[in-house]
Amino acid sequence: MPARRTRAARAAATVLCALAVLWALNTVLRTAFSGRWWLWNGIDLAPPIAYIAVPLALLLPAALLPRLRRSTLAALALALLLGAGQAGVHPGALLRDQGPVPAGALRVVSWNTFFWHQDGDPERFYTYLRRYDADVYLLQEYQNARGDRPVPIDDLARLRAAFPGYRIAAEGAFLTLSRHPVTMHRALRPAGLPAPATDWPDYWDVRALRTDISVGGRTLSLYNTHLPDLLNVDRNPLTPSYYREVGSHAHRRLLHLRALRADLDANRHPVVLGGDLNILPGSADLRWFRGLRDTAESGTDLYPATFPAGPAAMWRLDWTFASPDVDIHRQSLEDPPAGLSTHRLIQLRLSLPAPPPTGAGDGRPGPEDPKAQP
């Protein structure tokens, strides 16, 4: 009997070691390739929280083994060390003491509406949006679908009736609503994009809408953004067409990200950027937003996952960023009522810096500055 127990313990230790090494290898590969190699987009399906949860879960049975292999411990330590930067966990959220929001702070909402109110009750949809009483709405997927094809819609008359007094900027599948005057809006259209995959070119060619608004003597640039998907979960990952589509999406993403980065570098105004970026925590794609603050750092969510909406949210696909001089007082994630969207809504409360002296810049590079080049 003791010999049988010894053999069983050795077999368990071997299995545990193999699992630990495989997971550590997966973590190393994700650290190296996420956001850098397009093929990884079609492989990286694990929820980011797994990069902490899995090694911790493997440590539990390891602690019960009488003879823990050093290789097992080393693999789990490596996985935890690298996984801490991949998981998208914000430990500071547990200690954050949020004071009162200053009077006059802007309320900003960013939300992927998931095909607007198609197949739903429009009044229920608009009632939900109005309840936030936001100064700014950054709304994505202002569209419907026919089969697997996105199609444009025109709901502006109903929108104006539901939000009287708001200025509306609309391009492609984006809507930006503002209580404050809009001084400029334009879609970012990268050069060199491949031919669109449907007969609605703007769905593919417009993935960011910039809208400048005037707030208390300052211009605030709003970037309403929805980057192409990393992958199509409806495709079979064992077929070549799946990876061809992953590569096509990655190419489009790169062109859109370059155009977005170039516009950010040339912009002298404070910035708030939000939307469904289809970027996972820890991905090197976050380098495109260097110089901006992740507003989740001002939230109270330990794990600010946004997809799918509800208690089972495991992936963070939706993000909001702001210039360092924008004061973020709050970030909160809200679950929409069932049936409205598969994405959680992000709500911000923020204040802008005081206007610079007349004739002075704000220190950000402009188009004439060589630092503005991407």
Protein backbone atom coordinates (compact mmCIF):
# COMPACT_ATOMS: atom_id res chain seq x y z
CA MET A 1 0.00 0.00 0.00
CA PRO A 2 2.77 2.57 0.80
CA ALA A 3 4.44 1.74 -2.54
CA ARG A 4 1.16 2.30 -4.40
CA ARG A 5 0.71 5.65 -2.68
CA THR A 6 4.25 6.61 -3.61
CA ARG A 7 3.64 5.76 -7.27
CA ALA A 8 0.38 7.72 -7.23
CA ALA A 9 2.13 10.73 -5.68
CA ARG A 10 4.89 10.56 -8.30
CA ALA A 11 2.33 10.35 -11.11
CA ALA A 12 0.43 13.34 -9.67
CA ALA A 13 3.67 15.30 -9.37
CA THR A 14 4.55 14.51 -12.99
CA VAL A 15 1.14 15.65 -14.23
CA LEU A 16 1.29 18.79 -12.11
CA CYS A 17 4.78 19.58 -13.38
CA ALA A 18 3.67 19.13 -16.99
CA LEU A 19 0.68 21.45 -16.48
CA ALA A 20 2.84 24.06 -14.76
CA VAL A 21 5.45 24.02 -17.52
CA LEU A 22 2.83 24.21 -20.27
CA TRP A 23 1.07 27.14 -18.64
CA ALA A 24 4.35 28.93 -18.02
CA LEU A 25 5.21 28.44 -21.69
CA ASN A 26 1.83 29.86 -22.71
CA THR A 27 2.44 32.89 -20.47
CA VAL A 28 5.89 33.46 -21.97
CA LEU A 29 4.47 33.24 -25.49
CA ARG A 30 1.66 35.66 -24.69
CA THR A 31 4.10 38.13 -23.17
CA ALA A 32 6.23 37.93 -26.31
CA PHE A 33 3.56 37.88 -29.03
CA SER A 34 0.30 39.51 -27.84
CA GLY A 35 -0.14 42.67 -29.89
CA ARG A 36 3.05 41.97 -31.86
CA TRP A 37 2.33 38.88 -34.00
CA TRP A 38 -0.99 38.72 -35.83
CA LEU A 39 -1.26 34.93 -35.57
CA TRP A 40 -1.40 35.13 -31.81
CA ASN A 41 -4.70 36.99 -32.12
CA GLY A 42 -6.31 33.75 -33.26
CA ILE A 43 -4.82 31.76 -30.39
CA ASP A 44 -5.10 34.03 -27.37
CA LEU A 45 -8.58 33.10 -26.18
CA ALA A 46 -8.06 32.70 -22.42
CA PRO A 47 -9.60 35.35 -20.15
CA PRO A 48 -6.73 37.56 -18.90
CA ILE A 49 -7.57 36.80 -15.26
CA ALA A 50 -6.48 33.22 -15.97
CA TYR A 51 -2.85 34.37 -16.00
CA ILE A 52 -3.08 34.78 -12.25
CA ALA A 53 -5.83 32.29 -11.45
CA VAL A 54 -4.30 29.24 -13.16
CA PRO A 55 -0.87 29.26 -11.46
CA LEU A 56 -2.49 29.99 -8.11
CA ALA A 57 -4.90 27.09 -8.65
CA LEU A 58 -1.98 24.78 -9.49
CA LEU A 59 -0.16 25.82 -6.31
CA LEU A 60 -2.96 24.40 -4.16
CA PRO A 61 -2.48 20.73 -5.10
CA ALA A 62 1.27 21.29 -5.27
CA ALA A 63 1.26 22.24 -1.60
CA LEU A 64 -0.29 18.86 -0.76
CA LEU A 65 2.38 16.82 -2.50
CA PRO A 66 5.06 15.45 -0.20
CA ARG A 67 7.80 16.01 -2.79
CA LEU A 68 7.30 19.10 -4.86
CA ARG A 69 9.54 19.20 -7.90
CA ARG A 70 11.69 22.30 -8.17
CA SER A 71 10.81 22.55 -11.84
CA THR A 72 7.13 22.78 -10.90
CA LEU A 73 7.76 25.57 -8.43
CA ALA A 74 10.01 27.42 -10.88
CA ALA A 75 7.43 27.18 -13.67
CA LEU A 76 4.62 28.43 -11.43
CA ALA A 77 6.78 31.28 -10.13
CA LEU A 78 7.63 32.33 -13.69
CA ALA A 79 3.96 32.11 -14.73
CA LEU A 80 2.90 34.28 -11.79
CA LEU A 81 5.68 36.81 -12.34
CA LEU A 82 4.79 37.31 -16.01
CA GLY A 83 1.07 36.77 -15.53
CA ALA A 84 0.76 39.64 -13.06
CA GLY A 85 1.32 42.03 -15.95
CA GLN A 86 -1.01 40.16 -18.28
CA ALA A 87 -4.09 39.72 -16.12
CA GLY A 88 -5.49 43.26 -16.11
CA VAL A 89 -6.00 43.30 -12.34
CA HIS A 90 -6.00 46.67 -10.53
CA PRO A 91 -5.16 45.97 -6.85
CA GLY A 92 -5.22 49.67 -6.02
CA ALA A 93 -8.98 49.65 -6.59
CA LEU A 94 -9.41 47.94 -3.20
CA LEU A 95 -7.69 50.80 -1.39
CA ARG A 96 -8.94 53.73 -3.41
CA ASP A 97 -10.70 56.34 -1.31
CA GLN A 98 -12.87 58.37 -3.66
CA GLY A 99 -13.88 61.78 -2.41
CA PRO A 100 -16.82 63.80 -3.66
CA VAL A 101 -17.00 64.67 -7.35
CA PRO A 102 -16.48 68.43 -7.84
CA ALA A 103 -19.39 70.48 -9.02
CA GLY A 104 -19.28 70.99 -12.74
CA ALA A 105 -17.38 67.78 -13.47
CA LEU A 106 -18.19 66.31 -16.87
CA ARG A 107 -20.11 63.07 -17.09
CA VAL A 108 -18.89 60.95 -20.03
CA VAL A 109 -20.40 57.66 -21.18
CA SER A 110 -18.77 55.20 -23.59
CA TRP A 111 -20.69 52.15 -24.80
CA ASN A 112 -20.76 49.59 -27.58
CA THR A 113 -24.52 49.45 -28.16
CA PHE A 114 -24.38 46.15 -30.09
CA PHE A 115 -26.41 46.89 -33.22
CA TRP A 116 -28.25 49.83 -31.68
CA HIS A 117 -31.80 48.75 -30.77
CA GLN A 118 -32.24 46.17 -33.54
CA ASP A 119 -34.74 43.49 -32.51
CA GLY A 120 -35.51 45.46 -29.34
CA ASP A 121 -37.76 48.19 -28.00
CA PRO A 122 -36.41 51.61 -29.10
CA GLU A 123 -38.09 53.39 -26.19
CA ARG A 124 -36.46 51.03 -23.68
CA PHE A 125 -33.11 51.62 -25.34
CA TYR A 126 -33.39 55.42 -25.26
CA THR A 127 -34.76 55.42 -21.72
CA TYR A 128 -31.68 53.53 -20.61
CA LEU A 129 -29.32 55.98 -22.33
CA ARG A 130 -31.13 59.06 -21.00
CA ARG A 131 -30.92 57.89 -17.40
CA TYR A 132 -27.18 58.66 -17.34
CA ASP A 133 -27.82 62.33 -18.12
CA ALA A 134 -24.29 62.46 -19.56
CA ASP A 135 -22.65 65.55 -20.96
CA VAL A 136 -20.97 63.39 -23.59
CA TYR A 137 -21.93 60.03 -25.09
CA LEU A 138 -19.43 58.02 -27.13
CA LEU A 139 -21.57 55.34 -28.79
CA GLN A 140 -20.36 52.57 -31.08
CA GLU A 141 -22.23 50.18 -33.38
CA TYR A 142 -24.78 52.71 -34.58
CA GLN A 143 -25.82 50.10 -37.13
CA ASN A 144 -27.95 47.05 -37.75
CA ALA A 145 -27.14 43.71 -39.34
CA ARG A 146 -28.66 41.73 -42.17
CA GLY A 147 -27.45 38.19 -41.74
CA ASP A 148 -23.71 38.53 -41.12
CA ARG A 149 -23.48 41.89 -42.93
CA PRO A 150 -23.51 45.23 -41.09
CA VAL A 151 -25.91 47.77 -42.59
CA PRO A 152 -26.23 51.53 -41.95
CA ILE A 153 -29.26 53.04 -40.25
CA ASP A 154 -30.76 56.51 -39.84
CA ASP A 155 -32.22 57.01 -36.37
CA LEU A 156 -31.27 60.68 -36.07
CA ALA A 157 -34.82 62.02 -35.89
CA ARG A 158 -35.64 59.78 -32.93
CA LEU A 159 -32.25 60.59 -31.39
CA ARG A 160 -32.83 64.35 -31.58
CA ALA A 161 -36.24 63.93 -30.00
CA ALA A 162 -34.77 61.83 -27.19
CA PHE A 163 -31.81 64.19 -26.56
CA PRO A 164 -32.99 67.75 -27.18
CA GLY A 165 -30.24 70.34 -26.99
CA TYR A 166 -27.42 67.89 -27.72
CA ARG A 167 -25.05 68.33 -30.66
CA ILE A 168 -24.66 65.14 -32.68
CA ALA A 169 -21.63 64.01 -34.67
CA ALA A 170 -22.27 60.94 -36.82
CA GLU A 171 -19.85 59.04 -39.04
CA GLY A 172 -20.05 55.42 -40.13
CA ALA A 173 -21.11 53.31 -37.14
CA PHE A 174 -20.28 56.05 -34.59
CA LEU A 175 -22.34 58.62 -32.74
CA THR A 176 -20.93 61.25 -30.42
CA LEU A 177 -23.43 63.37 -28.48
CA SER A 178 -22.42 66.51 -26.60
CA ARG A 179 -24.20 69.11 -24.51
CA HIS A 180 -21.29 71.43 -25.26
CA PRO A 181 -20.66 73.15 -28.60
CA VAL A 182 -18.97 71.00 -31.22
CA THR A 183 -16.15 72.94 -32.90
CA MET A 184 -15.00 70.18 -35.26
CA HIS A 185 -15.64 66.55 -36.07
CA ARG A 186 -14.10 64.23 -38.60
CA ALA A 187 -13.61 60.54 -39.20
CA LEU A 188 -10.09 59.16 -39.24
CA ARG A 189 -9.67 57.37 -42.57
CA PRO A 190 -6.29 55.63 -42.96
CA ALA A 191 -4.65 55.49 -46.36
CA GLY A 192 -3.95 52.13 -47.95
CA LEU A 193 -6.90 50.21 -46.54
CA PRO A 194 -7.90 47.12 -48.55
CA ALA A 195 -11.24 47.09 -50.35
CA PRO A 196 -14.15 46.83 -47.88
CA ALA A 197 -15.66 43.41 -47.34
CA THR A 198 -19.25 44.70 -47.74
CA ASP A 199 -21.11 47.36 -49.73
CA TRP A 200 -20.93 49.74 -46.72
CA PRO A 201 -17.36 51.08 -46.94
CA ASP A 202 -17.57 53.34 -43.88
CA TYR A 203 -18.12 50.35 -41.60
CA TRP A 204 -14.62 49.11 -42.50
CA ASP A 205 -12.87 52.37 -43.29
CA VAL A 206 -13.99 54.47 -40.29
CA ARG A 207 -12.90 53.10 -36.94
CA ALA A 208 -12.40 56.35 -35.04
CA LEU A 209 -14.42 59.55 -34.92
CA ARG A 210 -12.74 62.64 -33.49
CA THR A 211 -15.03 65.33 -32.13
CA ASP A 212 -13.71 68.53 -30.57
CA ILE A 213 -15.99 70.31 -28.11
CA SER A 214 -15.68 73.61 -26.25
CA VAL A 215 -15.92 73.32 -22.46
CA GLY A 216 -15.35 76.35 -20.24
CA GLY A 217 -12.88 77.99 -22.55
CA ARG A 218 -11.00 74.77 -23.37
CA THR A 219 -11.19 72.49 -26.36
CA LEU A 220 -11.56 68.82 -25.45
CA SER A 221 -10.88 66.24 -28.16
CA LEU A 222 -13.08 63.16 -27.96
CA TYR A 223 -12.00 60.02 -29.81
CA ASN A 224 -14.88 57.59 -30.28
CA THR A 225 -13.18 54.35 -31.28
CA HIS A 226 -14.04 50.79 -32.31
CA LEU A 227 -11.10 48.79 -33.65
CA PRO A 228 -11.59 45.73 -35.88
CA ASP A 229 -12.10 42.43 -34.07
CA LEU A 230 -9.13 40.27 -33.15
CA LEU A 231 -10.92 37.20 -34.47
CA ASN A 232 -14.30 35.87 -35.51
CA VAL A 233 -15.59 33.46 -32.87
CA ASP A 234 -18.15 32.10 -35.36
CA ARG A 235 -15.38 30.67 -37.56
CA ASN A 236 -13.81 27.24 -37.10
CA PRO A 237 -10.23 27.74 -35.80
CA LEU A 238 -9.23 24.47 -37.48
CA THR A 239 -9.79 25.90 -40.96
CA PRO A 240 -7.44 28.07 -43.08
CA SER A 241 -10.19 30.66 -43.61
CA TYR A 242 -10.19 31.40 -39.88
CA TYR A 243 -6.53 32.47 -39.94
CA ARG A 244 -6.89 34.34 -43.22
CA GLU A 245 -9.58 36.43 -41.55
CA VAL A 246 -7.44 36.92 -38.42
CA GLY A 247 -4.61 38.20 -40.64
CA SER A 248 -6.94 40.51 -42.57
CA HIS A 249 -8.33 42.01 -39.36
CA ALA A 250 -4.80 42.46 -37.99
CA HIS A 251 -3.75 44.36 -41.12
CA ARG A 252 -6.73 46.69 -40.85
CA ARG A 253 -6.13 47.17 -37.11
CA LEU A 254 -2.53 48.23 -37.74
CA LEU A 255 -3.53 50.86 -40.31
CA HIS A 256 -6.25 52.26 -38.06
CA LEU A 257 -3.93 52.32 -35.04
CA ARG A 258 -1.24 54.16 -37.01
CA ALA A 259 -3.75 56.79 -38.14
CA LEU A 260 -5.09 57.18 -34.61
CA ARG A 261 -1.60 57.52 -33.14
CA ALA A 262 -0.61 60.12 -35.73
CA ASP A 263 -3.69 62.20 -34.93
CA LEU A 264 -3.05 61.97 -31.19
CA ASP A 265 0.56 63.06 -31.63
CA ALA A 266 -0.50 66.11 -33.64
CA ASN A 267 -3.25 67.14 -31.21
CA ARG A 268 -2.52 69.94 -28.73
CA HIS A 269 -5.81 69.62 -26.82
CA PRO A 270 -6.69 67.50 -23.79
CA VAL A 271 -7.97 64.12 -24.94
CA VAL A 272 -10.58 61.60 -23.84
CA LEU A 273 -10.55 58.40 -25.88
CA GLY A 274 -13.06 55.61 -25.40
CA GLY A 275 -14.64 52.66 -27.10
CA ASP A 276 -14.49 49.00 -27.93
CA LEU A 277 -10.78 48.70 -28.71
CA ASN A 278 -10.72 44.88 -28.89
CA ILE A 279 -7.46 44.96 -26.94
CA LEU A 280 -6.75 42.64 -24.03
CA PRO A 281 -4.82 43.65 -20.90
CA GLY A 282 -1.10 43.04 -21.24
CA SER A 283 -1.16 43.31 -25.03
CA ALA A 284 1.60 45.26 -26.72
CA ASP A 285 -1.18 47.02 -28.67
CA LEU A 286 -1.53 49.27 -25.63
CA ARG A 287 1.69 50.99 -26.75
CA TRP A 288 -0.40 52.92 -29.28
CA PHE A 289 -1.97 54.81 -26.36
CA ARG A 290 1.29 55.84 -24.69
CA GLY A 291 1.09 59.20 -22.96
CA LEU A 292 -2.57 58.68 -22.04
CA ARG A 293 -3.89 57.43 -18.69
CA ASP A 294 -5.97 54.32 -18.38
CA THR A 295 -9.00 55.66 -16.51
CA ALA A 296 -9.53 52.30 -14.80
CA GLU A 297 -6.74 53.48 -12.49
CA SER A 298 -9.35 55.83 -11.00
CA GLY A 299 -12.04 53.18 -10.67
CA THR A 300 -12.97 50.78 -7.91
CA ASP A 301 -13.15 47.63 -10.04
CA LEU A 302 -10.44 45.13 -9.17
CA TYR A 303 -10.92 43.43 -12.54
CA PRO A 304 -12.60 45.90 -14.95
CA ALA A 305 -13.82 43.36 -17.49
CA THR A 306 -16.45 44.60 -19.95
CA PHE A 307 -17.44 41.53 -22.00
CA PRO A 308 -19.81 39.80 -21.91
CA ALA A 309 -22.06 42.11 -19.92
CA GLY A 310 -23.25 40.72 -16.61
CA PRO A 311 -21.66 38.85 -13.71
CA ALA A 312 -19.76 36.57 -16.11
CA ALA A 313 -17.71 39.41 -17.65
CA MET A 314 -14.23 37.96 -18.18
CA TRP A 315 -12.61 39.96 -20.99
CA ARG A 316 -11.75 43.65 -21.02
CA LEU A 317 -12.38 44.81 -24.58
CA ASP A 318 -13.70 48.32 -23.86
CA TRP A 319 -11.32 51.00 -22.60
CA THR A 320 -11.22 54.70 -21.82
CA PHE A 321 -8.06 56.82 -21.76
CA ALA A 322 -7.42 60.47 -20.96
CA SER A 323 -4.60 62.98 -21.11
CA PRO A 324 -2.54 63.14 -17.90
CA ASP A 325 -3.79 66.67 -17.17
CA VAL A 326 -7.44 65.56 -17.23
CA ASP A 327 -8.57 64.89 -13.65
CA ILE A 328 -10.48 61.59 -13.49
CA HIS A 329 -12.70 61.53 -10.39
CA ARG A 330 -14.58 58.32 -11.08
CA GLN A 331 -14.80 55.38 -13.43
CA SER A 332 -17.65 52.92 -13.08
CA LEU A 333 -18.79 49.96 -15.13
CA GLU A 334 -22.52 49.43 -15.62
CA ASP A 335 -24.38 46.35 -16.80
CA PRO A 336 -27.14 47.27 -19.27
CA PRO A 337 -30.54 45.61 -18.93
CA ALA A 338 -30.76 42.16 -20.48
CA GLY A 339 -30.99 42.21 -24.25
CA LEU A 340 -29.60 45.70 -24.87
CA SER A 341 -25.92 44.91 -25.42
CA THR A 342 -23.24 42.30 -24.82
CA HIS A 343 -20.89 45.04 -23.57
CA ARG A 344 -20.82 46.84 -20.25
CA LEU A 345 -21.10 50.62 -20.27
CA ILE A 346 -18.25 52.81 -18.96
CA GLN A 347 -19.11 56.02 -17.11
CA LEU A 348 -16.53 58.68 -16.25
CA ARG A 349 -16.62 61.82 -14.12
CA LEU A 350 -13.80 64.19 -15.02
CA SER A 351 -12.58 67.79 -14.93
CA LEU A 352 -10.46 69.59 -17.48
CA PRO A 353 -7.35 71.61 -16.67
CA ALA A 354 -7.62 75.38 -16.56
CA PRO A 355 -7.22 77.08 -19.94
CA PRO A 356 -3.63 78.04 -20.79
CA PRO A 357 -2.70 81.74 -20.90
CA THR A 358 -3.69 83.47 -24.11
CA GLY A 359 -1.19 82.66 -26.86
CA ALA A 360 0.43 79.82 -24.92
CA GLY A 361 0.42 76.20 -26.03
CA ASP A 362 -0.06 73.24 -23.75
CA GLY A 363 3.25 71.53 -24.45
CA ARG A 364 1.89 68.84 -26.74
CA PRO A 365 3.52 68.47 -30.17
CA GLY A 366 1.71 69.98 -33.11
CA PRO A 367 1.81 69.08 -36.81
CA GLU A 368 4.80 71.33 -37.36
CA ASP A 369 6.76 69.66 -34.56
CA PRO A 370 8.98 66.75 -35.72
CA LYS A 371 7.95 64.88 -32.56
CA ALA A 372 4.45 64.63 -34.03
CA GLN A 373 5.55 62.08 -36.60
CA PRO A 374 4.31 58.52 -35.86
